All heavy atoms as atom14 arrays in JSON, in Angstrom:
{
  "sequence": "WVFFVVNALSESLHREFTRRGMVEEPQPGRSLGLAYAILSILGIIP",
  "atom14_mask": [
    [1, 1, 1, 1, 1, 1, 1, 1, 1, 1, 1, 1, 1, 1],
    [1, 1, 1, 1, 1, 1, 1, 0, 0, 0, 0, 0, 0, 0],
    [1, 1, 1, 1, 1, 1, 1, 1, 1, 1, 1, 0, 0, 0],
    [1, 1, 1, 1, 1, 1, 1, 1, 1, 1, 1, 0, 0, 0],
    [1, 1, 1, 1, 1, 1, 1, 0, 0, 0, 0, 0, 0, 0],
    [1, 1, 1, 1, 1, 1, 1, 0, 0, 0, 0, 0, 0, 0],
    [1, 1, 1, 1, 1, 1, 1, 1, 0, 0, 0, 0, 0, 0],
    [1, 1, 1, 1, 1, 0, 0, 0, 0, 0, 0, 0, 0, 0],
    [1, 1, 1, 1, 1, 1, 1, 1, 0, 0, 0, 0, 0, 0],
    [1, 1, 1, 1, 1, 1, 0, 0, 0, 0, 0, 0, 0, 0],
    [1, 1, 1, 1, 1, 1, 1, 1, 1, 0, 0, 0, 0, 0],
    [1, 1, 1, 1, 1, 1, 0, 0, 0, 0, 0, 0, 0, 0],
    [1, 1, 1, 1, 1, 1, 1, 1, 0, 0, 0, 0, 0, 0],
    [1, 1, 1, 1, 1, 1, 1, 1, 1, 1, 0, 0, 0, 0],
    [1, 1, 1, 1, 1, 1, 1, 1, 1, 1, 1, 0, 0, 0],
    [1, 1, 1, 1, 1, 1, 1, 1, 1, 0, 0, 0, 0, 0],
    [1, 1, 1, 1, 1, 1, 1, 1, 1, 1, 1, 0, 0, 0],
    [1, 1, 1, 1, 1, 1, 1, 0, 0, 0, 0, 0, 0, 0],
    [1, 1, 1, 1, 1, 1, 1, 1, 1, 1, 1, 0, 0, 0],
    [1, 1, 1, 1, 1, 1, 1, 1, 1, 1, 1, 0, 0, 0],
    [1, 1, 1, 1, 0, 0, 0, 0, 0, 0, 0, 0, 0, 0],
    [1, 1, 1, 1, 1, 1, 1, 1, 0, 0, 0, 0, 0, 0],
    [1, 1, 1, 1, 1, 1, 1, 0, 0, 0, 0, 0, 0, 0],
    [1, 1, 1, 1, 1, 1, 1, 1, 1, 0, 0, 0, 0, 0],
    [1, 1, 1, 1, 1, 1, 1, 1, 1, 0, 0, 0, 0, 0],
    [1, 1, 1, 1, 1, 1, 1, 0, 0, 0, 0, 0, 0, 0],
    [1, 1, 1, 1, 1, 1, 1, 1, 1, 0, 0, 0, 0, 0],
    [1, 1, 1, 1, 1, 1, 1, 0, 0, 0, 0, 0, 0, 0],
    [1, 1, 1, 1, 0, 0, 0, 0, 0, 0, 0, 0, 0, 0],
    [1, 1, 1, 1, 1, 1, 1, 1, 1, 1, 1, 0, 0, 0],
    [1, 1, 1, 1, 1, 1, 0, 0, 0, 0, 0, 0, 0, 0],
    [1, 1, 1, 1, 1, 1, 1, 1, 0, 0, 0, 0, 0, 0],
    [1, 1, 1, 1, 0, 0, 0, 0, 0, 0, 0, 0, 0, 0],
    [1, 1, 1, 1, 1, 1, 1, 1, 0, 0, 0, 0, 0, 0],
    [1, 1, 1, 1, 1, 0, 0, 0, 0, 0, 0, 0, 0, 0],
    [1, 1, 1, 1, 1, 1, 1, 1, 1, 1, 1, 1, 0, 0],
    [1, 1, 1, 1, 1, 0, 0, 0, 0, 0, 0, 0, 0, 0],
    [1, 1, 1, 1, 1, 1, 1, 1, 0, 0, 0, 0, 0, 0],
    [1, 1, 1, 1, 1, 1, 1, 1, 0, 0, 0, 0, 0, 0],
    [1, 1, 1, 1, 1, 1, 0, 0, 0, 0, 0, 0, 0, 0],
    [1, 1, 1, 1, 1, 1, 1, 1, 0, 0, 0, 0, 0, 0],
    [1, 1, 1, 1, 1, 1, 1, 1, 0, 0, 0, 0, 0, 0],
    [1, 1, 1, 1, 0, 0, 0, 0, 0, 0, 0, 0, 0, 0],
    [1, 1, 1, 1, 1, 1, 1, 1, 0, 0, 0, 0, 0, 0],
    [1, 1, 1, 1, 1, 1, 1, 1, 0, 0, 0, 0, 0, 0],
    [1, 1, 1, 1, 1, 1, 1, 0, 0, 0, 0, 0, 0, 0]
  ],
  "atom14_positions": [
    [[110.41, 116.86, 100.47], [109.16, 116.55, 101.14], [107.94, 116.96, 100.31], [106.91, 116.29, 100.35], [109.13, 117.2, 102.52], [107.94, 116.81, 103.33], [106.95, 117.64, 103.76], [107.61, 115.51, 103.81], [106.02, 116.94, 104.47], [106.4, 115.62, 104.51], [108.21, 114.26, 103.7], [105.78, 114.53, 105.12], [107.58, 113.18, 104.3], [106.39, 113.31, 104.98]],
    [[108.06, 118.03, 99.55], [106.92, 118.52, 98.76], [106.44, 117.43, 97.79], [105.24, 117.29, 97.56], [107.26, 119.83, 98.03], [108.31, 119.63, 96.95], [106.01, 120.44, 97.41], [0.0, 0.0, 0.0], [0.0, 0.0, 0.0], [0.0, 0.0, 0.0], [0.0, 0.0, 0.0], [0.0, 0.0, 0.0], [0.0, 0.0, 0.0], [0.0, 0.0, 0.0]],
    [[107.33, 116.62, 97.27], [106.94, 115.54, 96.36], [106.1, 114.48, 97.09], [105.12, 113.97, 96.54], [108.17, 114.88, 95.72], [108.85, 115.76, 94.7], [109.92, 116.56, 95.06], [108.4, 115.79, 93.39], [110.53, 117.39, 94.13], [109.01, 116.61, 92.45], [110.09, 117.41, 92.82], [0.0, 0.0, 0.0], [0.0, 0.0, 0.0], [0.0, 0.0, 0.0]],
    [[106.48, 114.17, 98.33], [105.71, 113.22, 99.13], [104.32, 113.77, 99.45], [103.33, 113.05, 99.38], [106.45, 112.87, 100.43], [107.67, 112.02, 100.2], [108.93, 112.6, 100.14], [107.57, 110.65, 100.04], [110.05, 111.84, 99.92], [108.68, 109.87, 99.83], [109.93, 110.46, 99.76], [0.0, 0.0, 0.0], [0.0, 0.0, 0.0], [0.0, 0.0, 0.0]],
    [[104.27, 115.06, 99.79], [102.99, 115.68, 100.13], [102.06, 115.69, 98.92], [100.89, 115.31, 99.02], [103.19, 117.11, 100.68], [101.87, 117.83, 100.84], [103.94, 117.07, 102.0], [0.0, 0.0, 0.0], [0.0, 0.0, 0.0], [0.0, 0.0, 0.0], [0.0, 0.0, 0.0], [0.0, 0.0, 0.0], [0.0, 0.0, 0.0], [0.0, 0.0, 0.0]],
    [[102.58, 116.11, 97.77], [101.75, 116.17, 96.55], [101.21, 114.79, 96.2], [100.01, 114.64, 95.92], [102.57, 116.76, 95.37], [101.88, 116.51, 94.03], [102.8, 118.25, 95.57], [0.0, 0.0, 0.0], [0.0, 0.0, 0.0], [0.0, 0.0, 0.0], [0.0, 0.0, 0.0], [0.0, 0.0, 0.0], [0.0, 0.0, 0.0], [0.0, 0.0, 0.0]],
    [[102.05, 113.77, 96.22], [101.61, 112.42, 95.88], [100.64, 111.85, 96.91], [99.63, 111.24, 96.54], [102.81, 111.49, 95.7], [103.52, 111.74, 94.39], [102.89, 111.89, 93.34], [104.84, 111.81, 94.43], [0.0, 0.0, 0.0], [0.0, 0.0, 0.0], [0.0, 0.0, 0.0], [0.0, 0.0, 0.0], [0.0, 0.0, 0.0], [0.0, 0.0, 0.0]],
    [[100.92, 112.05, 98.18], [100.04, 111.52, 99.23], [98.69, 112.22, 99.21], [97.64, 111.58, 99.35], [100.7, 111.69, 100.6], [0.0, 0.0, 0.0], [0.0, 0.0, 0.0], [0.0, 0.0, 0.0], [0.0, 0.0, 0.0], [0.0, 0.0, 0.0], [0.0, 0.0, 0.0], [0.0, 0.0, 0.0], [0.0, 0.0, 0.0], [0.0, 0.0, 0.0]],
    [[98.68, 113.52, 99.0], [97.43, 114.26, 98.95], [96.6, 113.84, 97.74], [95.39, 113.61, 97.84], [97.69, 115.76, 98.94], [96.49, 116.69, 99.03], [95.62, 116.37, 100.23], [96.95, 118.12, 99.08], [0.0, 0.0, 0.0], [0.0, 0.0, 0.0], [0.0, 0.0, 0.0], [0.0, 0.0, 0.0], [0.0, 0.0, 0.0], [0.0, 0.0, 0.0]],
    [[97.25, 113.69, 96.6], [96.57, 113.26, 95.39], [95.94, 111.87, 95.58], [94.78, 111.66, 95.24], [97.55, 113.23, 94.22], [96.94, 112.71, 93.07], [0.0, 0.0, 0.0], [0.0, 0.0, 0.0], [0.0, 0.0, 0.0], [0.0, 0.0, 0.0], [0.0, 0.0, 0.0], [0.0, 0.0, 0.0], [0.0, 0.0, 0.0], [0.0, 0.0, 0.0]],
    [[96.71, 110.95, 96.14], [96.2, 109.59, 96.36], [95.07, 109.58, 97.39], [94.06, 108.89, 97.2], [97.33, 108.66, 96.8], [96.92, 107.23, 97.03], [96.4, 106.53, 95.78], [96.76, 106.91, 94.66], [95.59, 105.58, 95.94], [0.0, 0.0, 0.0], [0.0, 0.0, 0.0], [0.0, 0.0, 0.0], [0.0, 0.0, 0.0], [0.0, 0.0, 0.0]],
    [[95.21, 110.35, 98.44], [94.17, 110.43, 99.47], [92.87, 110.99, 98.9], [91.78, 110.46, 99.17], [94.64, 111.29, 100.64], [95.76, 110.73, 101.26], [0.0, 0.0, 0.0], [0.0, 0.0, 0.0], [0.0, 0.0, 0.0], [0.0, 0.0, 0.0], [0.0, 0.0, 0.0], [0.0, 0.0, 0.0], [0.0, 0.0, 0.0], [0.0, 0.0, 0.0]],
    [[92.98, 112.06, 98.12], [91.79, 112.65, 97.5], [91.14, 111.67, 96.54], [89.91, 111.51, 96.53], [92.16, 113.95, 96.78], [92.5, 115.14, 97.68], [93.09, 116.28, 96.84], [91.29, 115.61, 98.45], [0.0, 0.0, 0.0], [0.0, 0.0, 0.0], [0.0, 0.0, 0.0], [0.0, 0.0, 0.0], [0.0, 0.0, 0.0], [0.0, 0.0, 0.0]],
    [[91.95, 110.99, 95.74], [91.42, 110.0, 94.8], [90.65, 108.91, 95.55], [89.54, 108.54, 95.17], [92.54, 109.39, 93.97], [92.09, 108.25, 93.11], [91.29, 108.42, 92.01], [92.32, 106.92, 93.22], [91.04, 107.24, 91.47], [91.65, 106.31, 92.19], [0.0, 0.0, 0.0], [0.0, 0.0, 0.0], [0.0, 0.0, 0.0], [0.0, 0.0, 0.0]],
    [[91.24, 108.39, 96.6], [90.59, 107.33, 97.39], [89.27, 107.83, 97.99], [88.28, 107.11, 98.01], [91.5, 106.85, 98.5], [92.67, 106.02, 98.03], [93.5, 105.6, 99.22], [94.65, 104.81, 98.83], [95.46, 104.22, 99.69], [95.25, 104.33, 100.99], [96.48, 103.51, 99.27], [0.0, 0.0, 0.0], [0.0, 0.0, 0.0], [0.0, 0.0, 0.0]],
    [[89.3, 109.06, 98.51], [88.09, 109.6, 99.14], [86.99, 109.86, 98.13], [85.83, 109.55, 98.37], [88.42, 110.88, 99.93], [87.27, 111.41, 100.74], [86.8, 110.49, 101.86], [87.53, 109.55, 102.25], [85.68, 110.72, 102.38], [0.0, 0.0, 0.0], [0.0, 0.0, 0.0], [0.0, 0.0, 0.0], [0.0, 0.0, 0.0], [0.0, 0.0, 0.0]],
    [[87.35, 110.42, 96.98], [86.34, 110.65, 95.94], [85.76, 109.32, 95.47], [84.55, 109.2, 95.25], [86.93, 111.44, 94.77], [87.14, 112.9, 95.06], [88.34, 113.52, 94.75], [86.13, 113.68, 95.61], [88.54, 114.87, 95.01], [86.31, 115.02, 95.88], [87.52, 115.63, 95.57], [0.0, 0.0, 0.0], [0.0, 0.0, 0.0], [0.0, 0.0, 0.0]],
    [[86.61, 108.31, 95.31], [86.15, 106.98, 94.9], [85.22, 106.4, 95.96], [84.16, 105.86, 95.65], [87.35, 106.05, 94.66], [88.18, 106.62, 93.65], [86.91, 104.67, 94.22], [0.0, 0.0, 0.0], [0.0, 0.0, 0.0], [0.0, 0.0, 0.0], [0.0, 0.0, 0.0], [0.0, 0.0, 0.0], [0.0, 0.0, 0.0], [0.0, 0.0, 0.0]],
    [[85.6, 106.5, 97.21], [84.8, 105.98, 98.32], [83.42, 106.63, 98.36], [82.42, 105.97, 98.63], [85.54, 106.24, 99.64], [84.92, 105.59, 100.85], [85.8, 105.83, 102.09], [85.57, 107.12, 102.68], [84.59, 107.42, 103.53], [83.73, 106.49, 103.88], [84.47, 108.61, 104.03], [0.0, 0.0, 0.0], [0.0, 0.0, 0.0], [0.0, 0.0, 0.0]],
    [[83.37, 107.91, 98.04], [82.09, 108.63, 98.07], [81.32, 108.51, 96.75], [80.23, 109.05, 96.63], [82.32, 110.11, 98.37], [82.84, 110.37, 99.76], [82.9, 111.84, 100.04], [83.51, 112.15, 101.32], [83.39, 113.32, 101.92], [82.69, 114.3, 101.36], [83.97, 113.53, 103.09], [0.0, 0.0, 0.0], [0.0, 0.0, 0.0], [0.0, 0.0, 0.0]],
    [[81.92, 107.87, 95.77], [81.26, 107.73, 94.47], [81.24, 109.03, 93.68], [80.39, 109.24, 92.83], [0.0, 0.0, 0.0], [0.0, 0.0, 0.0], [0.0, 0.0, 0.0], [0.0, 0.0, 0.0], [0.0, 0.0, 0.0], [0.0, 0.0, 0.0], [0.0, 0.0, 0.0], [0.0, 0.0, 0.0], [0.0, 0.0, 0.0], [0.0, 0.0, 0.0]],
    [[82.2, 109.9, 93.96], [82.3, 111.18, 93.26], [83.3, 111.04, 92.12], [84.38, 110.49, 92.3], [82.74, 112.28, 94.23], [81.78, 112.49, 95.39], [82.47, 113.52, 96.71], [82.36, 115.14, 95.96], [0.0, 0.0, 0.0], [0.0, 0.0, 0.0], [0.0, 0.0, 0.0], [0.0, 0.0, 0.0], [0.0, 0.0, 0.0], [0.0, 0.0, 0.0]],
    [[82.94, 111.54, 90.97], [83.81, 111.44, 89.8], [84.75, 112.64, 89.77], [84.32, 113.78, 89.77], [82.98, 111.37, 88.5], [83.9, 111.29, 87.3], [82.03, 110.2, 88.54], [0.0, 0.0, 0.0], [0.0, 0.0, 0.0], [0.0, 0.0, 0.0], [0.0, 0.0, 0.0], [0.0, 0.0, 0.0], [0.0, 0.0, 0.0], [0.0, 0.0, 0.0]],
    [[86.02, 112.36, 89.79], [87.06, 113.38, 89.68], [88.16, 112.83, 88.8], [88.15, 111.66, 88.42], [87.63, 113.72, 91.07], [86.74, 114.59, 91.92], [86.43, 115.96, 91.31], [87.29, 116.53, 90.61], [85.33, 116.47, 91.55], [0.0, 0.0, 0.0], [0.0, 0.0, 0.0], [0.0, 0.0, 0.0], [0.0, 0.0, 0.0], [0.0, 0.0, 0.0]],
    [[89.15, 113.65, 88.51], [90.29, 113.17, 87.74], [90.99, 112.05, 88.52], [90.91, 112.01, 89.75], [91.24, 114.32, 87.42], [91.8, 115.03, 88.64], [92.63, 116.25, 88.3], [93.78, 116.07, 87.89], [92.11, 117.36, 88.46], [0.0, 0.0, 0.0], [0.0, 0.0, 0.0], [0.0, 0.0, 0.0], [0.0, 0.0, 0.0], [0.0, 0.0, 0.0]],
    [[91.67, 111.14, 87.83], [92.28, 109.97, 88.5], [93.31, 110.34, 89.58], [93.41, 109.66, 90.58], [92.96, 109.21, 87.38], [92.39, 109.73, 86.12], [91.85, 111.09, 86.4], [0.0, 0.0, 0.0], [0.0, 0.0, 0.0], [0.0, 0.0, 0.0], [0.0, 0.0, 0.0], [0.0, 0.0, 0.0], [0.0, 0.0, 0.0], [0.0, 0.0, 0.0]],
    [[94.08, 111.38, 89.39], [95.08, 111.79, 90.37], [94.88, 113.28, 90.66], [95.61, 114.12, 90.16], [96.49, 111.53, 89.84], [96.75, 110.06, 89.59], [98.1, 109.83, 88.93], [98.51, 110.57, 88.05], [98.78, 108.78, 89.37], [0.0, 0.0, 0.0], [0.0, 0.0, 0.0], [0.0, 0.0, 0.0], [0.0, 0.0, 0.0], [0.0, 0.0, 0.0]],
    [[93.9, 113.6, 91.5], [93.52, 114.99, 91.72], [94.68, 115.9, 92.15], [95.32, 115.67, 93.17], [92.48, 114.91, 92.84], [92.02, 113.51, 92.86], [93.14, 112.68, 92.34], [0.0, 0.0, 0.0], [0.0, 0.0, 0.0], [0.0, 0.0, 0.0], [0.0, 0.0, 0.0], [0.0, 0.0, 0.0], [0.0, 0.0, 0.0], [0.0, 0.0, 0.0]],
    [[94.96, 116.9, 91.34], [95.96, 117.9, 91.65], [97.4, 117.48, 91.47], [98.32, 118.29, 91.61], [0.0, 0.0, 0.0], [0.0, 0.0, 0.0], [0.0, 0.0, 0.0], [0.0, 0.0, 0.0], [0.0, 0.0, 0.0], [0.0, 0.0, 0.0], [0.0, 0.0, 0.0], [0.0, 0.0, 0.0], [0.0, 0.0, 0.0], [0.0, 0.0, 0.0]],
    [[97.64, 116.22, 91.16], [99.02, 115.7, 91.11], [99.89, 116.41, 90.07], [101.01, 116.82, 90.37], [99.02, 114.2, 90.87], [100.41, 113.59, 90.94], [100.33, 112.05, 90.9], [101.63, 111.47, 91.1], [102.46, 111.16, 90.11], [102.11, 111.36, 88.86], [103.64, 110.63, 90.37], [0.0, 0.0, 0.0], [0.0, 0.0, 0.0], [0.0, 0.0, 0.0]],
    [[99.39, 116.56, 88.86], [100.19, 117.17, 87.78], [100.6, 118.59, 88.12], [101.76, 118.97, 87.97], [99.42, 117.16, 86.46], [99.1, 115.85, 86.1], [0.0, 0.0, 0.0], [0.0, 0.0, 0.0], [0.0, 0.0, 0.0], [0.0, 0.0, 0.0], [0.0, 0.0, 0.0], [0.0, 0.0, 0.0], [0.0, 0.0, 0.0], [0.0, 0.0, 0.0]],
    [[99.65, 119.36, 88.6], [99.92, 120.75, 88.95], [100.88, 120.83, 90.15], [101.8, 121.65, 90.17], [98.6, 121.45, 89.27], [98.57, 122.97, 89.24], [99.15, 123.52, 87.95], [97.14, 123.44, 89.4], [0.0, 0.0, 0.0], [0.0, 0.0, 0.0], [0.0, 0.0, 0.0], [0.0, 0.0, 0.0], [0.0, 0.0, 0.0], [0.0, 0.0, 0.0]],
    [[100.69, 119.95, 91.13], [101.58, 119.92, 92.29], [103.01, 119.53, 91.93], [103.96, 120.12, 92.42], [0.0, 0.0, 0.0], [0.0, 0.0, 0.0], [0.0, 0.0, 0.0], [0.0, 0.0, 0.0], [0.0, 0.0, 0.0], [0.0, 0.0, 0.0], [0.0, 0.0, 0.0], [0.0, 0.0, 0.0], [0.0, 0.0, 0.0], [0.0, 0.0, 0.0]],
    [[103.14, 118.55, 91.04], [104.48, 118.15, 90.61], [105.15, 119.23, 89.78], [106.36, 119.45, 89.89], [104.43, 116.83, 89.84], [104.12, 115.59, 90.68], [104.04, 114.34, 89.79], [105.15, 115.39, 91.78], [0.0, 0.0, 0.0], [0.0, 0.0, 0.0], [0.0, 0.0, 0.0], [0.0, 0.0, 0.0], [0.0, 0.0, 0.0], [0.0, 0.0, 0.0]],
    [[104.36, 119.92, 88.95], [104.91, 121.03, 88.17], [105.46, 122.1, 89.1], [106.57, 122.62, 88.9], [103.84, 121.61, 87.25], [0.0, 0.0, 0.0], [0.0, 0.0, 0.0], [0.0, 0.0, 0.0], [0.0, 0.0, 0.0], [0.0, 0.0, 0.0], [0.0, 0.0, 0.0], [0.0, 0.0, 0.0], [0.0, 0.0, 0.0], [0.0, 0.0, 0.0]],
    [[104.7, 122.42, 90.14], [105.15, 123.41, 91.13], [106.44, 122.95, 91.81], [107.4, 123.72, 91.95], [104.02, 123.67, 92.13], [104.44, 123.89, 93.56], [105.23, 124.97, 93.92], [104.04, 123.01, 94.57], [105.61, 125.16, 95.24], [104.41, 123.2, 95.87], [105.2, 124.28, 96.21], [105.58, 124.46, 97.51], [0.0, 0.0, 0.0], [0.0, 0.0, 0.0]],
    [[106.5, 121.67, 92.21], [107.67, 121.15, 92.92], [108.91, 121.13, 92.02], [110.0, 121.54, 92.44], [107.37, 119.74, 93.44], [0.0, 0.0, 0.0], [0.0, 0.0, 0.0], [0.0, 0.0, 0.0], [0.0, 0.0, 0.0], [0.0, 0.0, 0.0], [0.0, 0.0, 0.0], [0.0, 0.0, 0.0], [0.0, 0.0, 0.0], [0.0, 0.0, 0.0]],
    [[108.75, 120.69, 90.79], [109.89, 120.61, 89.86], [110.39, 122.0, 89.49], [111.59, 122.26, 89.49], [109.49, 119.8, 88.6], [109.28, 118.33, 88.98], [110.54, 119.94, 87.51], [108.58, 117.5, 87.92], [0.0, 0.0, 0.0], [0.0, 0.0, 0.0], [0.0, 0.0, 0.0], [0.0, 0.0, 0.0], [0.0, 0.0, 0.0], [0.0, 0.0, 0.0]],
    [[109.46, 122.91, 89.2], [109.86, 124.28, 88.87], [110.55, 124.97, 90.04], [111.46, 125.78, 89.85], [108.66, 125.09, 88.39], [108.15, 124.73, 86.99], [106.81, 125.4, 86.71], [109.17, 125.11, 85.92], [0.0, 0.0, 0.0], [0.0, 0.0, 0.0], [0.0, 0.0, 0.0], [0.0, 0.0, 0.0], [0.0, 0.0, 0.0], [0.0, 0.0, 0.0]],
    [[110.14, 124.63, 91.26], [110.8, 125.2, 92.44], [112.26, 124.8, 92.5], [113.13, 125.61, 92.8], [110.09, 124.74, 93.72], [108.8, 125.25, 93.78], [0.0, 0.0, 0.0], [0.0, 0.0, 0.0], [0.0, 0.0, 0.0], [0.0, 0.0, 0.0], [0.0, 0.0, 0.0], [0.0, 0.0, 0.0], [0.0, 0.0, 0.0], [0.0, 0.0, 0.0]],
    [[112.53, 123.53, 92.2], [113.91, 123.05, 92.19], [114.7, 123.71, 91.07], [115.84, 124.13, 91.25], [113.96, 121.52, 92.08], [113.41, 120.89, 93.36], [115.37, 121.03, 91.81], [113.23, 119.4, 93.29], [0.0, 0.0, 0.0], [0.0, 0.0, 0.0], [0.0, 0.0, 0.0], [0.0, 0.0, 0.0], [0.0, 0.0, 0.0], [0.0, 0.0, 0.0]],
    [[114.08, 123.81, 89.9], [114.77, 124.44, 88.76], [115.05, 125.92, 89.0], [115.91, 126.5, 88.34], [113.94, 124.26, 87.48], [113.78, 122.82, 86.98], [112.87, 122.78, 85.76], [115.13, 122.21, 86.67], [0.0, 0.0, 0.0], [0.0, 0.0, 0.0], [0.0, 0.0, 0.0], [0.0, 0.0, 0.0], [0.0, 0.0, 0.0], [0.0, 0.0, 0.0]],
    [[114.34, 126.51, 89.94], [114.53, 127.92, 90.26], [115.92, 128.26, 90.78], [116.31, 129.42, 90.8], [0.0, 0.0, 0.0], [0.0, 0.0, 0.0], [0.0, 0.0, 0.0], [0.0, 0.0, 0.0], [0.0, 0.0, 0.0], [0.0, 0.0, 0.0], [0.0, 0.0, 0.0], [0.0, 0.0, 0.0], [0.0, 0.0, 0.0], [0.0, 0.0, 0.0]],
    [[116.68, 127.26, 91.2], [118.04, 127.53, 91.71], [119.09, 127.59, 90.6], [120.22, 127.96, 90.85], [118.45, 126.51, 92.78], [118.55, 125.11, 92.19], [117.52, 126.55, 93.97], [119.15, 124.08, 93.13], [0.0, 0.0, 0.0], [0.0, 0.0, 0.0], [0.0, 0.0, 0.0], [0.0, 0.0, 0.0], [0.0, 0.0, 0.0], [0.0, 0.0, 0.0]],
    [[118.71, 127.23, 89.38], [119.66, 127.24, 88.26], [119.89, 128.68, 87.82], [118.94, 129.42, 87.58], [119.12, 126.41, 87.07], [118.94, 124.95, 87.49], [120.05, 126.53, 85.86], [118.26, 124.11, 86.44], [0.0, 0.0, 0.0], [0.0, 0.0, 0.0], [0.0, 0.0, 0.0], [0.0, 0.0, 0.0], [0.0, 0.0, 0.0], [0.0, 0.0, 0.0]],
    [[121.15, 129.09, 87.72], [121.43, 130.47, 87.28], [120.82, 130.76, 85.9], [120.69, 129.88, 85.06], [122.95, 130.52, 87.22], [123.41, 129.42, 88.11], [122.36, 128.35, 88.03], [0.0, 0.0, 0.0], [0.0, 0.0, 0.0], [0.0, 0.0, 0.0], [0.0, 0.0, 0.0], [0.0, 0.0, 0.0], [0.0, 0.0, 0.0], [0.0, 0.0, 0.0]]
  ]
}
C-alpha cells in the first residue's frame, strides 16, 4: 500500500501545484517516498 500512497500523493501534489501555477518538481516527493518504501522491504533481508 505504501507504493500506492507515495504515487497518489505525488501525483495529487503535482496536479495541485500545476492548478495553482506554482512551480515545483515534476513528481513532488516521489523519489524519496519510493526510496523509503523499497528500503523498508529490503530491511527483511538477513
